N, C-alpha and C. Protein backbone atom coordinates (compact mmCIF):
# COMPACT_ATOMS: atom_id res chain seq x y z
N UNK A 1 66.86 80.62 119.21
CA UNK A 1 68.03 80.09 118.51
C UNK A 1 68.57 78.87 119.26
N UNK A 2 68.77 77.80 118.52
CA UNK A 2 69.30 76.58 119.12
C UNK A 2 70.78 76.46 118.77
N UNK A 3 71.63 76.46 119.76
CA UNK A 3 73.06 76.33 119.55
C UNK A 3 73.45 74.86 119.59
N UNK A 4 74.46 74.49 118.82
CA UNK A 4 74.90 73.09 118.84
C UNK A 4 75.67 72.76 120.11
N UNK A 5 75.67 71.49 120.47
CA UNK A 5 76.54 71.02 121.53
C UNK A 5 77.92 70.77 120.94
N UNK A 6 78.93 71.35 121.53
CA UNK A 6 80.31 71.17 121.06
C UNK A 6 80.99 70.14 121.95
N UNK A 7 81.45 69.06 121.33
CA UNK A 7 82.10 67.99 122.09
C UNK A 7 83.57 67.90 121.68
N UNK A 8 84.44 68.41 122.52
CA UNK A 8 85.88 68.38 122.26
C UNK A 8 86.43 67.09 122.86
N UNK A 9 86.99 66.24 122.02
CA UNK A 9 87.40 64.94 122.53
C UNK A 9 88.46 64.31 121.64
N UNK A 10 89.01 63.21 122.11
CA UNK A 10 89.94 62.42 121.31
C UNK A 10 89.18 61.27 120.67
N UNK A 11 89.62 60.89 119.50
CA UNK A 11 89.02 59.75 118.82
C UNK A 11 90.04 58.62 118.76
N UNK A 12 89.72 57.53 119.42
CA UNK A 12 90.62 56.37 119.43
C UNK A 12 90.89 55.88 118.01
N UNK A 13 89.85 55.83 117.18
CA UNK A 13 90.02 55.31 115.83
C UNK A 13 90.80 56.28 114.95
N UNK A 14 90.49 57.57 115.04
CA UNK A 14 91.21 58.56 114.23
C UNK A 14 92.69 58.57 114.60
N UNK A 15 92.97 58.68 115.88
CA UNK A 15 94.37 58.74 116.29
C UNK A 15 95.11 57.44 116.01
N UNK A 16 94.39 56.33 116.14
CA UNK A 16 95.01 55.05 115.82
C UNK A 16 95.40 54.94 114.36
N UNK A 17 94.64 55.61 113.50
CA UNK A 17 94.92 55.56 112.07
C UNK A 17 96.01 56.55 111.65
N UNK A 18 96.01 57.75 112.26
CA UNK A 18 96.91 58.80 111.76
C UNK A 18 98.24 58.90 112.52
N UNK A 19 98.25 58.52 113.77
CA UNK A 19 99.48 58.68 114.55
C UNK A 19 100.66 57.90 113.96
N UNK A 20 100.47 56.65 113.50
CA UNK A 20 101.62 55.97 112.86
C UNK A 20 102.18 56.74 111.67
N UNK A 21 101.32 57.49 110.97
CA UNK A 21 101.77 58.28 109.83
C UNK A 21 102.46 59.56 110.27
N UNK A 22 102.03 60.12 111.38
CA UNK A 22 102.57 61.39 111.87
C UNK A 22 103.81 61.22 112.73
N UNK A 23 103.97 60.05 113.32
CA UNK A 23 105.02 59.85 114.33
C UNK A 23 106.43 60.11 113.80
N UNK A 24 106.78 59.68 112.57
CA UNK A 24 108.14 59.96 112.10
C UNK A 24 108.46 61.46 112.08
N UNK A 25 107.51 62.27 111.63
CA UNK A 25 107.73 63.71 111.61
C UNK A 25 107.81 64.29 113.00
N UNK A 26 106.99 63.78 113.92
CA UNK A 26 107.04 64.25 115.31
C UNK A 26 108.37 63.91 115.96
N UNK A 27 108.92 62.74 115.64
CA UNK A 27 110.21 62.35 116.19
C UNK A 27 111.32 63.24 115.65
N UNK A 28 111.23 63.61 114.39
CA UNK A 28 112.24 64.49 113.79
C UNK A 28 112.30 65.83 114.49
N UNK A 29 111.15 66.31 114.95
CA UNK A 29 111.11 67.61 115.63
C UNK A 29 111.22 67.48 117.14
N UNK A 30 111.42 66.25 117.62
CA UNK A 30 111.54 66.02 119.05
C UNK A 30 110.24 66.20 119.80
N UNK A 31 109.13 66.01 119.11
CA UNK A 31 107.82 66.26 119.71
C UNK A 31 106.96 65.00 119.73
N UNK A 32 107.60 63.85 119.86
CA UNK A 32 106.84 62.60 119.84
C UNK A 32 105.89 62.46 121.01
N UNK A 33 106.11 63.25 122.07
CA UNK A 33 105.19 63.21 123.21
C UNK A 33 103.77 63.57 122.79
N UNK A 34 103.64 64.39 121.72
CA UNK A 34 102.32 64.82 121.25
C UNK A 34 101.49 63.66 120.74
N UNK A 35 102.12 62.52 120.48
CA UNK A 35 101.39 61.36 119.97
C UNK A 35 100.97 60.39 121.07
N UNK A 36 101.28 60.72 122.32
CA UNK A 36 100.92 59.82 123.41
C UNK A 36 99.49 60.05 123.87
N UNK A 37 98.86 59.00 124.35
CA UNK A 37 97.48 59.11 124.84
C UNK A 37 97.40 60.12 125.98
N UNK A 38 98.38 60.11 126.86
CA UNK A 38 98.36 61.00 128.02
C UNK A 38 98.38 62.46 127.58
N UNK A 39 99.25 62.79 126.63
CA UNK A 39 99.36 64.16 126.17
C UNK A 39 98.07 64.61 125.47
N UNK A 40 97.52 63.75 124.64
CA UNK A 40 96.29 64.09 123.93
C UNK A 40 95.15 64.29 124.91
N UNK A 41 95.04 63.41 125.90
CA UNK A 41 93.97 63.54 126.90
C UNK A 41 94.12 64.83 127.70
N UNK A 42 95.35 65.18 128.05
CA UNK A 42 95.59 66.43 128.78
C UNK A 42 95.21 67.64 127.92
N UNK A 43 95.48 67.56 126.62
CA UNK A 43 95.15 68.66 125.72
C UNK A 43 93.65 68.80 125.56
N UNK A 44 92.96 67.68 125.48
CA UNK A 44 91.50 67.71 125.42
C UNK A 44 90.94 68.42 126.65
N UNK A 45 91.45 68.07 127.81
CA UNK A 45 91.00 68.69 129.06
C UNK A 45 91.30 70.19 129.05
N UNK A 46 92.49 70.56 128.59
CA UNK A 46 92.87 71.96 128.53
C UNK A 46 91.96 72.75 127.60
N UNK A 47 91.69 72.20 126.42
CA UNK A 47 90.85 72.90 125.44
C UNK A 47 89.43 73.05 125.97
N UNK A 48 88.89 72.01 126.56
CA UNK A 48 87.54 72.09 127.13
C UNK A 48 87.46 73.16 128.21
N UNK A 49 88.46 73.21 129.07
CA UNK A 49 88.48 74.17 130.16
C UNK A 49 88.50 75.60 129.64
N UNK A 50 89.28 75.85 128.61
CA UNK A 50 89.40 77.20 128.07
C UNK A 50 88.20 77.60 127.22
N UNK A 51 87.59 76.65 126.53
CA UNK A 51 86.48 76.95 125.65
C UNK A 51 85.18 77.21 126.41
N UNK A 52 84.97 76.51 127.49
CA UNK A 52 83.68 76.55 128.20
C UNK A 52 83.18 77.96 128.52
N UNK A 53 84.03 78.87 129.05
CA UNK A 53 83.52 80.21 129.38
C UNK A 53 83.15 81.05 128.17
N UNK A 54 83.65 80.67 127.00
CA UNK A 54 83.44 81.46 125.79
C UNK A 54 82.37 80.90 124.86
N UNK A 55 82.03 79.63 125.02
CA UNK A 55 81.23 78.92 124.02
C UNK A 55 79.93 79.64 123.67
N UNK A 56 79.11 79.93 124.65
CA UNK A 56 77.79 80.51 124.37
C UNK A 56 77.92 81.88 123.72
N UNK A 57 78.82 82.71 124.22
CA UNK A 57 79.00 84.05 123.66
C UNK A 57 79.42 84.00 122.20
N UNK A 58 80.41 83.17 121.90
CA UNK A 58 80.95 83.11 120.54
C UNK A 58 79.94 82.53 119.57
N UNK A 59 79.33 81.41 119.92
CA UNK A 59 78.38 80.78 119.01
C UNK A 59 77.15 81.66 118.79
N UNK A 60 76.65 82.24 119.86
CA UNK A 60 75.50 83.13 119.74
C UNK A 60 75.84 84.35 118.89
N UNK A 61 77.02 84.91 119.12
CA UNK A 61 77.41 86.11 118.38
C UNK A 61 77.50 85.89 116.90
N UNK A 62 78.15 84.81 116.47
CA UNK A 62 78.31 84.59 115.04
C UNK A 62 76.99 84.19 114.37
N UNK A 63 76.14 83.48 115.09
CA UNK A 63 74.84 83.13 114.53
C UNK A 63 73.95 84.37 114.37
N UNK A 64 73.94 85.23 115.37
CA UNK A 64 73.07 86.40 115.34
C UNK A 64 73.49 87.40 114.26
N UNK A 65 74.79 87.64 114.13
CA UNK A 65 75.22 88.68 113.20
C UNK A 65 74.94 88.29 111.74
N UNK A 66 74.88 87.00 111.46
CA UNK A 66 74.59 86.54 110.11
C UNK A 66 73.17 85.99 109.96
N UNK A 67 72.43 85.94 111.08
CA UNK A 67 71.10 85.36 111.09
C UNK A 67 71.13 83.93 110.54
N UNK A 68 72.06 83.14 111.07
CA UNK A 68 72.23 81.76 110.66
C UNK A 68 72.16 80.83 111.86
N UNK A 69 71.87 79.57 111.60
CA UNK A 69 71.97 78.53 112.62
C UNK A 69 72.75 77.36 112.05
N UNK A 70 73.49 76.71 112.91
CA UNK A 70 74.22 75.52 112.49
C UNK A 70 73.24 74.42 112.08
N UNK A 71 73.59 73.70 111.04
CA UNK A 71 72.73 72.60 110.60
C UNK A 71 72.82 71.42 111.58
N UNK A 72 73.99 71.19 112.13
CA UNK A 72 74.17 70.08 113.06
C UNK A 72 73.88 70.53 114.48
N UNK A 73 73.24 69.68 115.26
CA UNK A 73 73.00 70.04 116.66
C UNK A 73 74.10 69.52 117.58
N UNK A 74 74.99 68.70 117.05
CA UNK A 74 76.18 68.26 117.79
C UNK A 74 77.38 68.40 116.87
N UNK A 75 78.41 69.08 117.34
CA UNK A 75 79.64 69.22 116.56
C UNK A 75 80.77 68.56 117.33
N UNK A 76 81.27 67.47 116.79
CA UNK A 76 82.38 66.77 117.40
C UNK A 76 83.69 67.40 116.96
N UNK A 77 84.53 67.69 117.93
CA UNK A 77 85.83 68.33 117.69
C UNK A 77 86.91 67.34 118.10
N UNK A 78 87.64 66.82 117.12
CA UNK A 78 88.62 65.79 117.40
C UNK A 78 90.01 66.42 117.57
N UNK A 79 90.65 66.08 118.67
CA UNK A 79 91.98 66.61 118.99
C UNK A 79 93.01 65.56 118.59
N UNK A 80 93.95 65.97 117.72
CA UNK A 80 94.93 65.03 117.19
C UNK A 80 96.23 65.78 116.90
N UNK A 81 97.36 65.06 116.86
CA UNK A 81 98.66 65.71 116.70
C UNK A 81 99.01 66.08 115.26
N UNK A 82 98.03 66.59 114.50
CA UNK A 82 98.31 67.11 113.17
C UNK A 82 99.08 68.41 113.28
N UNK A 83 99.72 68.80 112.18
CA UNK A 83 100.40 70.09 112.16
C UNK A 83 99.44 71.24 112.01
N UNK A 84 98.29 70.97 111.37
CA UNK A 84 97.30 72.01 111.12
C UNK A 84 95.93 71.58 111.65
N UNK A 85 95.00 72.52 111.64
CA UNK A 85 93.62 72.24 112.05
C UNK A 85 92.72 72.49 110.86
N UNK A 86 91.55 71.82 110.85
CA UNK A 86 90.62 72.01 109.74
C UNK A 86 89.21 71.77 110.23
N UNK A 87 88.23 72.22 109.41
CA UNK A 87 86.86 72.33 109.90
C UNK A 87 85.92 71.20 109.48
N UNK A 88 86.29 70.38 108.50
CA UNK A 88 85.36 69.35 108.04
C UNK A 88 86.13 68.14 107.53
N UNK A 89 86.26 67.10 108.39
CA UNK A 89 85.77 67.00 109.75
C UNK A 89 86.53 67.96 110.66
N UNK A 90 85.95 68.26 111.81
CA UNK A 90 86.53 69.24 112.72
C UNK A 90 87.67 68.59 113.50
N UNK A 91 88.89 68.94 113.13
CA UNK A 91 90.08 68.39 113.79
C UNK A 91 90.96 69.55 114.21
N UNK A 92 91.33 69.58 115.48
CA UNK A 92 92.17 70.64 116.02
C UNK A 92 93.49 70.04 116.49
N UNK A 93 94.58 70.66 116.09
CA UNK A 93 95.90 70.18 116.47
C UNK A 93 96.11 70.29 117.98
N UNK A 94 96.96 69.42 118.48
CA UNK A 94 97.32 69.46 119.91
C UNK A 94 98.35 70.54 120.22
N UNK A 95 98.80 71.30 119.23
CA UNK A 95 99.98 72.15 119.42
C UNK A 95 99.71 73.49 120.09
N UNK A 96 98.44 73.82 120.36
CA UNK A 96 98.13 75.17 120.82
C UNK A 96 98.12 75.28 122.35
N UNK A 97 98.47 76.47 122.83
CA UNK A 97 98.22 76.80 124.22
C UNK A 97 96.71 76.96 124.42
N UNK A 98 96.26 76.83 125.65
CA UNK A 98 94.83 76.87 125.92
C UNK A 98 94.15 78.15 125.45
N UNK A 99 94.79 79.30 125.65
CA UNK A 99 94.19 80.56 125.26
C UNK A 99 94.16 80.72 123.75
N UNK A 100 95.19 80.28 123.08
CA UNK A 100 95.23 80.37 121.62
C UNK A 100 94.18 79.45 120.99
N UNK A 101 93.84 78.37 121.67
CA UNK A 101 92.80 77.48 121.16
C UNK A 101 91.50 78.23 120.91
N UNK A 102 91.17 79.22 121.74
CA UNK A 102 89.93 79.99 121.55
C UNK A 102 89.90 80.60 120.16
N UNK A 103 90.99 81.19 119.74
CA UNK A 103 91.05 81.84 118.44
C UNK A 103 91.04 80.81 117.31
N UNK A 104 91.78 79.74 117.48
CA UNK A 104 91.84 78.71 116.44
C UNK A 104 90.48 78.06 116.24
N UNK A 105 89.84 77.70 117.35
CA UNK A 105 88.56 77.02 117.21
C UNK A 105 87.47 77.97 116.71
N UNK A 106 87.51 79.23 117.12
CA UNK A 106 86.55 80.20 116.58
C UNK A 106 86.71 80.31 115.07
N UNK A 107 87.94 80.30 114.60
CA UNK A 107 88.23 80.30 113.17
C UNK A 107 87.59 79.09 112.48
N UNK A 108 87.84 77.91 113.02
CA UNK A 108 87.36 76.69 112.36
C UNK A 108 85.84 76.56 112.43
N UNK A 109 85.26 76.95 113.55
CA UNK A 109 83.80 76.81 113.64
C UNK A 109 83.10 77.89 112.82
N UNK A 110 83.80 79.00 112.56
CA UNK A 110 83.26 80.00 111.62
C UNK A 110 83.18 79.40 110.22
N UNK A 111 84.22 78.67 109.81
CA UNK A 111 84.16 77.95 108.53
C UNK A 111 82.92 77.05 108.49
N UNK A 112 82.69 76.33 109.58
CA UNK A 112 81.58 75.37 109.61
C UNK A 112 80.24 76.09 109.48
N UNK A 113 80.05 77.17 110.21
CA UNK A 113 78.79 77.89 110.13
C UNK A 113 78.56 78.45 108.73
N UNK A 114 79.60 78.97 108.12
CA UNK A 114 79.47 79.58 106.79
C UNK A 114 79.14 78.57 105.71
N UNK A 115 79.52 77.32 105.90
CA UNK A 115 79.34 76.32 104.84
C UNK A 115 78.35 75.22 105.18
N UNK A 116 77.84 75.20 106.42
CA UNK A 116 76.92 74.12 106.81
C UNK A 116 75.89 74.69 107.78
N UNK A 117 74.92 75.40 107.23
CA UNK A 117 73.90 76.03 108.05
C UNK A 117 72.52 75.74 107.48
N UNK A 118 71.50 76.18 108.18
CA UNK A 118 70.13 75.82 107.81
C UNK A 118 69.60 76.60 106.61
N UNK A 119 70.38 77.54 106.08
CA UNK A 119 69.91 78.30 104.92
C UNK A 119 70.49 77.82 103.60
N UNK A 120 71.35 76.81 103.66
CA UNK A 120 71.88 76.24 102.42
C UNK A 120 71.66 74.74 102.43
N UNK A 121 71.63 74.18 101.24
CA UNK A 121 71.47 72.73 101.09
C UNK A 121 72.67 72.19 100.35
N UNK A 122 72.78 70.88 100.30
CA UNK A 122 73.91 70.26 99.60
C UNK A 122 73.93 70.63 98.13
N UNK A 123 72.77 70.95 97.56
CA UNK A 123 72.71 71.33 96.15
C UNK A 123 73.17 72.77 95.93
N UNK A 124 73.26 73.55 97.03
CA UNK A 124 73.62 74.95 96.91
C UNK A 124 75.02 75.27 97.39
N UNK A 125 75.57 74.42 98.27
CA UNK A 125 76.80 74.82 98.93
C UNK A 125 77.97 74.98 97.96
N UNK A 126 77.93 74.30 96.80
CA UNK A 126 79.01 74.46 95.83
C UNK A 126 78.96 75.84 95.16
N UNK A 127 77.84 76.52 95.30
CA UNK A 127 77.70 77.85 94.71
C UNK A 127 78.18 78.95 95.65
N UNK A 128 78.58 78.57 96.85
CA UNK A 128 79.01 79.58 97.81
C UNK A 128 80.24 80.32 97.30
N UNK A 129 81.22 79.59 96.77
CA UNK A 129 82.43 80.24 96.29
C UNK A 129 82.12 81.21 95.16
N UNK A 130 81.21 80.83 94.27
CA UNK A 130 80.82 81.73 93.19
C UNK A 130 80.19 82.99 93.77
N UNK A 131 79.36 82.81 94.78
CA UNK A 131 78.74 83.96 95.44
C UNK A 131 79.78 84.85 96.09
N UNK A 132 80.75 84.23 96.78
CA UNK A 132 81.79 85.03 97.44
C UNK A 132 82.65 85.77 96.43
N UNK A 133 82.88 85.18 95.26
CA UNK A 133 83.61 85.90 94.21
C UNK A 133 82.82 87.13 93.77
N UNK A 134 81.51 86.99 93.69
CA UNK A 134 80.68 88.13 93.32
C UNK A 134 80.71 89.21 94.41
N UNK A 135 80.76 88.76 95.66
CA UNK A 135 80.76 89.71 96.77
C UNK A 135 82.11 90.41 96.95
N UNK A 136 83.19 89.65 96.84
CA UNK A 136 84.50 90.15 97.24
C UNK A 136 85.50 90.29 96.10
N UNK A 137 85.11 89.87 94.89
CA UNK A 137 86.00 89.95 93.74
C UNK A 137 86.58 88.60 93.38
N UNK A 138 86.79 88.38 92.09
CA UNK A 138 87.28 87.08 91.63
C UNK A 138 88.80 87.08 91.39
N UNK A 139 89.48 88.08 91.94
CA UNK A 139 90.92 88.17 91.76
C UNK A 139 91.70 87.62 92.94
N UNK A 140 90.99 87.01 93.91
CA UNK A 140 91.67 86.47 95.09
C UNK A 140 92.05 85.01 94.88
N UNK A 141 93.16 84.61 95.46
CA UNK A 141 93.49 83.19 95.53
C UNK A 141 92.42 82.48 96.35
N UNK A 142 92.24 81.19 96.09
CA UNK A 142 91.17 80.44 96.77
C UNK A 142 91.29 80.57 98.28
N UNK A 143 92.49 80.40 98.81
CA UNK A 143 92.65 80.41 100.26
C UNK A 143 92.39 81.79 100.85
N UNK A 144 92.63 82.83 100.07
CA UNK A 144 92.30 84.17 100.52
C UNK A 144 90.79 84.38 100.49
N UNK A 145 90.16 83.96 99.41
CA UNK A 145 88.72 84.16 99.26
C UNK A 145 87.93 83.51 100.39
N UNK A 146 88.25 82.26 100.74
CA UNK A 146 87.46 81.56 101.75
C UNK A 146 87.73 82.10 103.16
N UNK A 147 88.82 82.86 103.32
CA UNK A 147 89.12 83.40 104.64
C UNK A 147 88.66 84.84 104.83
N UNK A 148 88.21 85.49 103.78
CA UNK A 148 87.65 86.83 103.94
C UNK A 148 86.42 86.79 104.86
N UNK A 149 85.41 85.93 104.61
CA UNK A 149 84.27 85.89 105.53
C UNK A 149 84.64 85.38 106.92
N UNK A 150 85.57 84.44 106.99
CA UNK A 150 85.99 83.93 108.30
C UNK A 150 86.65 85.03 109.12
N UNK A 151 87.55 85.78 108.50
CA UNK A 151 88.25 86.83 109.22
C UNK A 151 87.31 87.97 109.61
N UNK A 152 86.32 88.25 108.77
CA UNK A 152 85.33 89.26 109.14
C UNK A 152 84.57 88.83 110.39
N UNK A 153 84.22 87.54 110.45
CA UNK A 153 83.55 87.03 111.65
C UNK A 153 84.45 87.08 112.87
N UNK A 154 85.72 86.73 112.69
CA UNK A 154 86.66 86.79 113.82
C UNK A 154 86.76 88.21 114.36
N UNK A 155 86.88 89.19 113.46
CA UNK A 155 86.98 90.58 113.91
C UNK A 155 85.76 90.98 114.71
N UNK A 156 84.58 90.60 114.23
CA UNK A 156 83.34 90.93 114.94
C UNK A 156 83.31 90.27 116.32
N UNK A 157 83.65 88.99 116.38
CA UNK A 157 83.60 88.26 117.65
C UNK A 157 84.59 88.84 118.64
N UNK A 158 85.82 89.06 118.22
CA UNK A 158 86.86 89.50 119.14
C UNK A 158 86.62 90.94 119.62
N UNK A 159 86.08 91.79 118.74
CA UNK A 159 85.89 93.19 119.11
C UNK A 159 84.52 93.44 119.73
N UNK A 160 83.46 93.04 119.03
CA UNK A 160 82.11 93.41 119.45
C UNK A 160 81.50 92.47 120.48
N UNK A 161 81.85 91.19 120.40
CA UNK A 161 81.24 90.21 121.30
C UNK A 161 82.08 90.02 122.56
N UNK A 162 83.37 89.76 122.38
CA UNK A 162 84.22 89.47 123.54
C UNK A 162 84.89 90.71 124.12
N UNK A 163 84.96 91.77 123.34
CA UNK A 163 85.68 92.97 123.76
C UNK A 163 87.12 92.62 124.13
N UNK A 164 87.75 91.80 123.28
CA UNK A 164 89.14 91.39 123.48
C UNK A 164 89.91 91.62 122.19
N UNK A 165 90.12 92.89 121.82
CA UNK A 165 90.79 93.19 120.54
C UNK A 165 92.21 92.66 120.45
N UNK A 166 92.81 92.33 121.58
CA UNK A 166 94.15 91.77 121.55
C UNK A 166 94.17 90.42 120.82
N UNK A 167 93.06 89.71 120.84
CA UNK A 167 92.99 88.45 120.09
C UNK A 167 93.06 88.73 118.59
N UNK A 168 92.39 89.77 118.16
CA UNK A 168 92.43 90.16 116.76
C UNK A 168 93.85 90.54 116.36
N UNK A 169 94.49 91.35 117.18
CA UNK A 169 95.86 91.79 116.88
C UNK A 169 96.80 90.59 116.79
N UNK A 170 96.63 89.63 117.68
CA UNK A 170 97.50 88.46 117.68
C UNK A 170 97.29 87.63 116.43
N UNK A 171 96.04 87.43 116.03
CA UNK A 171 95.77 86.63 114.85
C UNK A 171 96.34 87.29 113.60
N UNK A 172 96.15 88.59 113.48
CA UNK A 172 96.68 89.31 112.32
C UNK A 172 98.20 89.22 112.28
N UNK A 173 98.83 89.35 113.42
CA UNK A 173 100.30 89.28 113.48
C UNK A 173 100.79 87.89 113.09
N UNK A 174 100.16 86.85 113.60
CA UNK A 174 100.59 85.49 113.28
C UNK A 174 100.36 85.14 111.82
N UNK A 175 99.33 85.74 111.22
CA UNK A 175 99.01 85.46 109.82
C UNK A 175 99.99 86.11 108.85
N UNK A 176 100.84 87.00 109.34
CA UNK A 176 101.83 87.64 108.46
C UNK A 176 102.79 86.61 107.86
N UNK A 177 102.92 85.45 108.53
CA UNK A 177 103.78 84.38 108.01
C UNK A 177 103.13 83.65 106.85
N UNK A 178 101.84 83.86 106.63
CA UNK A 178 101.09 83.13 105.60
C UNK A 178 100.42 84.15 104.68
N UNK A 179 101.05 84.45 103.53
CA UNK A 179 100.61 85.55 102.67
C UNK A 179 99.14 85.52 102.27
N UNK A 180 98.59 84.35 102.00
CA UNK A 180 97.20 84.29 101.55
C UNK A 180 96.24 84.64 102.68
N UNK A 181 96.57 84.24 103.89
CA UNK A 181 95.78 84.62 105.06
C UNK A 181 95.94 86.11 105.34
N UNK A 182 97.17 86.60 105.20
CA UNK A 182 97.43 88.02 105.40
C UNK A 182 96.66 88.87 104.40
N UNK A 183 96.55 88.38 103.16
CA UNK A 183 95.79 89.10 102.14
C UNK A 183 94.31 89.20 102.53
N UNK A 184 93.78 88.13 103.14
CA UNK A 184 92.39 88.15 103.58
C UNK A 184 92.20 89.20 104.68
N UNK A 185 93.15 89.26 105.62
CA UNK A 185 93.05 90.27 106.67
C UNK A 185 93.16 91.68 106.09
N UNK A 186 94.02 91.85 105.09
CA UNK A 186 94.16 93.16 104.47
C UNK A 186 92.85 93.60 103.84
N UNK A 187 92.18 92.67 103.15
CA UNK A 187 90.90 92.99 102.52
C UNK A 187 89.86 93.37 103.58
N UNK A 188 89.80 92.60 104.66
CA UNK A 188 88.83 92.88 105.72
C UNK A 188 89.08 94.26 106.32
N UNK A 189 90.34 94.61 106.52
CA UNK A 189 90.67 95.92 107.08
C UNK A 189 90.25 97.03 106.12
N UNK A 190 90.48 96.83 104.83
CA UNK A 190 90.16 97.86 103.84
C UNK A 190 88.65 98.04 103.67
N UNK A 191 87.92 96.95 103.66
CA UNK A 191 86.48 97.00 103.37
C UNK A 191 85.62 97.17 104.62
N UNK A 192 86.16 96.79 105.77
CA UNK A 192 85.40 96.86 107.01
C UNK A 192 84.65 95.58 107.28
N UNK A 193 84.89 95.00 108.45
CA UNK A 193 84.29 93.69 108.73
C UNK A 193 82.77 93.74 108.80
N UNK A 194 82.20 94.83 109.30
CA UNK A 194 80.74 94.89 109.39
C UNK A 194 80.12 94.99 108.00
N UNK A 195 80.75 95.71 107.08
CA UNK A 195 80.26 95.78 105.71
C UNK A 195 80.27 94.41 105.05
N UNK A 196 81.33 93.65 105.29
CA UNK A 196 81.42 92.29 104.74
C UNK A 196 80.34 91.39 105.33
N UNK A 197 80.12 91.50 106.63
CA UNK A 197 79.11 90.66 107.28
C UNK A 197 77.71 91.02 106.81
N UNK A 198 77.46 92.28 106.56
CA UNK A 198 76.14 92.69 106.03
C UNK A 198 75.90 92.07 104.66
N UNK A 199 76.92 92.07 103.82
CA UNK A 199 76.79 91.46 102.50
C UNK A 199 76.57 89.96 102.60
N UNK A 200 77.30 89.33 103.52
CA UNK A 200 77.13 87.89 103.71
C UNK A 200 75.71 87.57 104.18
N UNK A 201 75.22 88.34 105.13
CA UNK A 201 73.86 88.11 105.63
C UNK A 201 72.84 88.18 104.51
N UNK A 202 72.97 89.18 103.66
CA UNK A 202 72.05 89.31 102.52
C UNK A 202 72.18 88.13 101.58
N UNK A 203 73.41 87.67 101.36
CA UNK A 203 73.61 86.55 100.43
C UNK A 203 72.97 85.27 100.95
N UNK A 204 73.00 85.05 102.27
CA UNK A 204 72.37 83.85 102.82
C UNK A 204 70.85 83.95 102.76
N UNK A 205 70.32 85.15 102.84
CA UNK A 205 68.89 85.33 102.63
C UNK A 205 68.52 84.94 101.20
N UNK A 206 69.41 85.26 100.25
CA UNK A 206 69.19 84.85 98.86
C UNK A 206 69.26 83.34 98.73
N UNK A 207 70.21 82.73 99.40
CA UNK A 207 70.30 81.27 99.39
C UNK A 207 68.99 80.66 99.89
N UNK A 208 68.48 81.21 101.00
CA UNK A 208 67.26 80.67 101.59
C UNK A 208 66.08 80.80 100.64
N UNK A 209 65.94 81.95 100.00
CA UNK A 209 64.83 82.15 99.06
C UNK A 209 64.97 81.28 97.83
N UNK A 210 66.20 80.91 97.50
CA UNK A 210 66.41 80.12 96.29
C UNK A 210 65.87 78.70 96.43
N UNK A 211 65.56 78.28 97.66
CA UNK A 211 64.99 76.95 97.84
C UNK A 211 63.75 76.76 96.98
N UNK A 212 62.97 77.79 96.86
CA UNK A 212 61.71 77.68 96.14
C UNK A 212 61.84 78.01 94.66
N UNK A 213 62.91 78.73 94.28
CA UNK A 213 63.07 79.11 92.88
C UNK A 213 64.07 78.25 92.14
N UNK A 214 64.97 77.61 92.91
CA UNK A 214 65.99 76.76 92.30
C UNK A 214 67.15 77.55 91.72
N UNK A 215 67.26 78.83 92.04
CA UNK A 215 68.36 79.62 91.53
C UNK A 215 68.78 80.64 92.56
N UNK A 216 69.97 81.16 92.38
CA UNK A 216 70.51 82.18 93.28
C UNK A 216 70.77 83.43 92.47
N UNK A 217 70.24 84.53 92.91
CA UNK A 217 70.44 85.78 92.23
C UNK A 217 71.29 86.70 93.12
N UNK A 218 72.37 87.21 92.55
CA UNK A 218 73.23 88.13 93.28
C UNK A 218 72.88 89.53 92.86
N UNK A 219 72.45 90.35 93.79
CA UNK A 219 72.01 91.71 93.49
C UNK A 219 73.22 92.61 93.33
N UNK A 220 73.01 93.76 92.70
CA UNK A 220 74.09 94.71 92.52
C UNK A 220 74.63 95.18 93.86
N UNK A 221 73.74 95.27 94.86
CA UNK A 221 74.16 95.70 96.18
C UNK A 221 75.13 94.69 96.80
N UNK A 222 74.86 93.37 96.57
CA UNK A 222 75.75 92.33 97.09
C UNK A 222 77.11 92.40 96.44
N UNK A 223 77.16 92.85 95.16
CA UNK A 223 78.44 92.93 94.49
C UNK A 223 79.24 94.14 94.95
N UNK A 224 78.66 94.94 95.79
CA UNK A 224 79.36 96.11 96.29
C UNK A 224 79.34 97.26 95.31
N UNK A 225 78.42 97.21 94.35
CA UNK A 225 78.32 98.27 93.35
C UNK A 225 77.50 99.43 93.89
């Protein structure tokens, strides 16, 4: 298994473009220091320091449990003073403590693995949501649906790989402020994270086989029937 190189860094061009837009809001909250080069560079150093001991365990664990590999061999992680973090492009806010960064980045890189791996192609990735609706039900809000597989991966990583269940407890507690994320955690608790991961693994095998047939077939077992 080949793991990607993770490069956590600041982007001069990205920050140069977005900081003028973010600065008024940062000033309103008294947090304009987050827009300074010095603060961003210090945060990059902090995130790298905290991530390094965990990187191989986390990446290996999520790849093995789903039998997936990242499509990219280098993943650039841009640190910027946004209010939120997102996975494509991979941008992580400067607002986190070093230890909390582990959970945030594991969340975002789980998104990346689930949507950009060697078993799906650009012609198939739009069908992922349809597949997840078949697996988990079509009654979920979009933000809940896309976080069911992510949260299942987080539970597996924090409990089975890292043996740090307190990270799981903290993430669930913090998500109570965001109902759609909380709904995803509720579903994972009810269905069991390993059951969800087993279904996901089977679905990606179907994606892989569809390369030669041009179609994706969802089995009754994948639907949880």
